[in-house]
Amino acid sequence: MKSAGQGPAKCQEPGSGWSGCSLQKISEIMGISEGTSKSQLARARNILKKLVESQA
């Protein structure tokens, strides 16, 4: 399994991890189902949201 910062160059923008990749492509690269990639992305977004809110 690859971490968010290790996606292929064509799926990355500077500093944005998997930006630009479809859930299907992410799941293929990481070897997980689309549902798993979707739920992990949602969890990561919630964690980031909480971190940003705690800094405000």
N, C-alpha and C. Protein backbone atom coordinates (compact mmCIF):
# COMPACT_ATOMS: atom_id res chain seq x y z
N MET A 1 0.84 -1.17 0.00
CA MET A 1 0.00 0.00 0.00
C MET A 1 0.89 1.24 0.00
N LYS A 2 0.52 2.23 -0.80
CA LYS A 2 1.29 3.46 -0.87
C LYS A 2 0.61 4.53 -0.02
N SER A 3 1.40 5.44 0.54
CA SER A 3 0.82 6.54 1.28
C SER A 3 0.40 7.63 0.32
N ALA A 4 -0.37 8.58 0.81
CA ALA A 4 -0.94 9.62 -0.04
C ALA A 4 0.10 10.40 -0.83
N GLY A 5 1.26 10.61 -0.29
CA GLY A 5 2.29 11.38 -0.97
C GLY A 5 3.09 10.60 -1.98
N GLN A 6 2.76 9.33 -2.20
CA GLN A 6 3.56 8.50 -3.08
C GLN A 6 2.82 8.11 -4.35
N GLY A 7 1.83 8.85 -4.73
CA GLY A 7 1.09 8.53 -5.95
C GLY A 7 1.92 8.80 -7.18
N PRO A 8 1.46 8.32 -8.32
CA PRO A 8 2.20 8.53 -9.56
C PRO A 8 2.21 10.00 -9.95
N ALA A 9 3.24 10.43 -10.64
CA ALA A 9 3.41 11.84 -11.00
C ALA A 9 2.21 12.38 -11.76
N LYS A 10 1.60 11.59 -12.64
CA LYS A 10 0.49 12.11 -13.42
C LYS A 10 -0.75 12.38 -12.58
N CYS A 11 -0.80 11.86 -11.37
CA CYS A 11 -1.94 12.09 -10.48
C CYS A 11 -1.64 13.15 -9.43
N GLN A 12 -0.47 13.71 -9.47
CA GLN A 12 -0.09 14.65 -8.43
C GLN A 12 0.08 16.06 -8.96
N GLU A 13 -0.27 16.98 -8.10
CA GLU A 13 0.07 18.38 -8.28
C GLU A 13 0.96 18.71 -7.09
N PRO A 14 1.84 19.68 -7.22
CA PRO A 14 2.74 19.97 -6.09
C PRO A 14 1.98 20.17 -4.78
N GLY A 15 2.34 19.38 -3.80
CA GLY A 15 1.77 19.53 -2.46
C GLY A 15 0.37 19.00 -2.28
N SER A 16 -0.19 18.32 -3.27
CA SER A 16 -1.59 17.92 -3.14
C SER A 16 -1.82 16.41 -3.14
N GLY A 17 -0.78 15.61 -3.10
CA GLY A 17 -0.97 14.16 -3.01
C GLY A 17 -1.63 13.56 -4.22
N TRP A 18 -2.84 13.03 -4.05
CA TRP A 18 -3.53 12.30 -5.12
C TRP A 18 -4.45 13.18 -5.95
N SER A 19 -4.35 14.47 -5.84
CA SER A 19 -5.23 15.37 -6.59
C SER A 19 -5.19 15.06 -8.07
N GLY A 20 -6.36 15.00 -8.68
CA GLY A 20 -6.44 14.73 -10.10
C GLY A 20 -6.63 13.27 -10.46
N CYS A 21 -6.54 12.38 -9.48
CA CYS A 21 -6.75 10.95 -9.73
C CYS A 21 -8.19 10.58 -9.40
N SER A 22 -8.75 9.69 -10.18
CA SER A 22 -10.08 9.16 -9.88
C SER A 22 -9.96 8.15 -8.74
N LEU A 23 -11.09 7.90 -8.09
CA LEU A 23 -11.09 6.86 -7.05
C LEU A 23 -10.69 5.52 -7.63
N GLN A 24 -11.11 5.26 -8.86
CA GLN A 24 -10.75 4.00 -9.52
C GLN A 24 -9.24 3.89 -9.67
N LYS A 25 -8.58 4.96 -10.13
CA LYS A 25 -7.13 4.94 -10.33
C LYS A 25 -6.40 4.79 -8.99
N ILE A 26 -6.86 5.53 -7.98
CA ILE A 26 -6.25 5.43 -6.66
C ILE A 26 -6.36 4.00 -6.13
N SER A 27 -7.55 3.40 -6.28
CA SER A 27 -7.74 2.05 -5.77
C SER A 27 -6.88 1.04 -6.52
N GLU A 28 -6.70 1.23 -7.82
CA GLU A 28 -5.82 0.35 -8.60
C GLU A 28 -4.38 0.45 -8.11
N ILE A 29 -3.90 1.67 -7.93
CA ILE A 29 -2.52 1.91 -7.51
C ILE A 29 -2.26 1.34 -6.12
N MET A 30 -3.22 1.54 -5.21
CA MET A 30 -3.04 1.11 -3.82
C MET A 30 -3.43 -0.35 -3.59
N GLY A 31 -4.08 -0.97 -4.57
CA GLY A 31 -4.48 -2.35 -4.42
C GLY A 31 -5.64 -2.55 -3.45
N ILE A 32 -6.57 -1.58 -3.44
CA ILE A 32 -7.74 -1.64 -2.57
C ILE A 32 -8.99 -1.41 -3.41
N SER A 33 -10.17 -1.64 -2.83
CA SER A 33 -11.41 -1.41 -3.57
C SER A 33 -11.71 0.08 -3.66
N GLU A 34 -12.57 0.45 -4.62
CA GLU A 34 -12.97 1.86 -4.74
C GLU A 34 -13.67 2.33 -3.48
N GLY A 35 -14.50 1.47 -2.88
CA GLY A 35 -15.20 1.83 -1.65
C GLY A 35 -14.24 2.14 -0.52
N THR A 36 -13.18 1.34 -0.41
CA THR A 36 -12.17 1.58 0.62
C THR A 36 -11.44 2.88 0.37
N SER A 37 -11.07 3.15 -0.88
CA SER A 37 -10.37 4.40 -1.17
C SER A 37 -11.27 5.59 -0.89
N LYS A 38 -12.56 5.46 -1.19
CA LYS A 38 -13.51 6.55 -0.93
C LYS A 38 -13.66 6.80 0.57
N SER A 39 -13.77 5.74 1.36
CA SER A 39 -13.93 5.92 2.80
C SER A 39 -12.65 6.45 3.44
N GLN A 40 -11.48 6.01 2.96
CA GLN A 40 -10.23 6.53 3.50
C GLN A 40 -10.05 8.00 3.15
N LEU A 41 -10.47 8.40 1.96
CA LEU A 41 -10.40 9.80 1.57
C LEU A 41 -11.32 10.64 2.44
N ALA A 42 -12.53 10.15 2.71
CA ALA A 42 -13.47 10.87 3.57
C ALA A 42 -12.91 11.02 4.98
N ARG A 43 -12.30 9.96 5.50
CA ARG A 43 -11.69 10.04 6.84
C ARG A 43 -10.57 11.07 6.87
N ALA A 44 -9.73 11.05 5.84
CA ALA A 44 -8.61 12.01 5.78
C ALA A 44 -9.13 13.44 5.72
N ARG A 45 -10.18 13.67 4.93
CA ARG A 45 -10.76 15.02 4.85
C ARG A 45 -11.30 15.46 6.20
N ASN A 46 -11.96 14.55 6.92
CA ASN A 46 -12.49 14.89 8.24
C ASN A 46 -11.37 15.22 9.22
N ILE A 47 -10.29 14.47 9.17
CA ILE A 47 -9.14 14.74 10.05
C ILE A 47 -8.57 16.12 9.74
N LEU A 48 -8.38 16.42 8.45
CA LEU A 48 -7.85 17.73 8.07
C LEU A 48 -8.79 18.85 8.49
N LYS A 49 -10.09 18.64 8.32
CA LYS A 49 -11.08 19.65 8.70
C LYS A 49 -10.99 19.95 10.19
N LYS A 50 -10.89 18.89 11.01
CA LYS A 50 -10.78 19.08 12.46
C LYS A 50 -9.49 19.80 12.83
N LEU A 51 -8.40 19.48 12.15
CA LEU A 51 -7.13 20.17 12.42
C LEU A 51 -7.22 21.65 12.09
N VAL A 52 -7.83 21.96 10.96
CA VAL A 52 -7.98 23.36 10.56
C VAL A 52 -8.88 24.10 11.54
N GLU A 53 -9.99 23.47 11.92
CA GLU A 53 -10.91 24.10 12.87
C GLU A 53 -10.26 24.33 14.23
N SER A 54 -9.39 23.43 14.65
CA SER A 54 -8.74 23.59 15.95
C SER A 54 -7.70 24.71 15.94
N GLN A 55 -7.23 25.07 14.76
CA GLN A 55 -6.25 26.15 14.63
C GLN A 55 -6.91 27.53 14.57
N ALA A 56 -8.21 27.57 14.33
CA ALA A 56 -8.93 28.85 14.16
C ALA A 56 -9.21 29.51 15.48
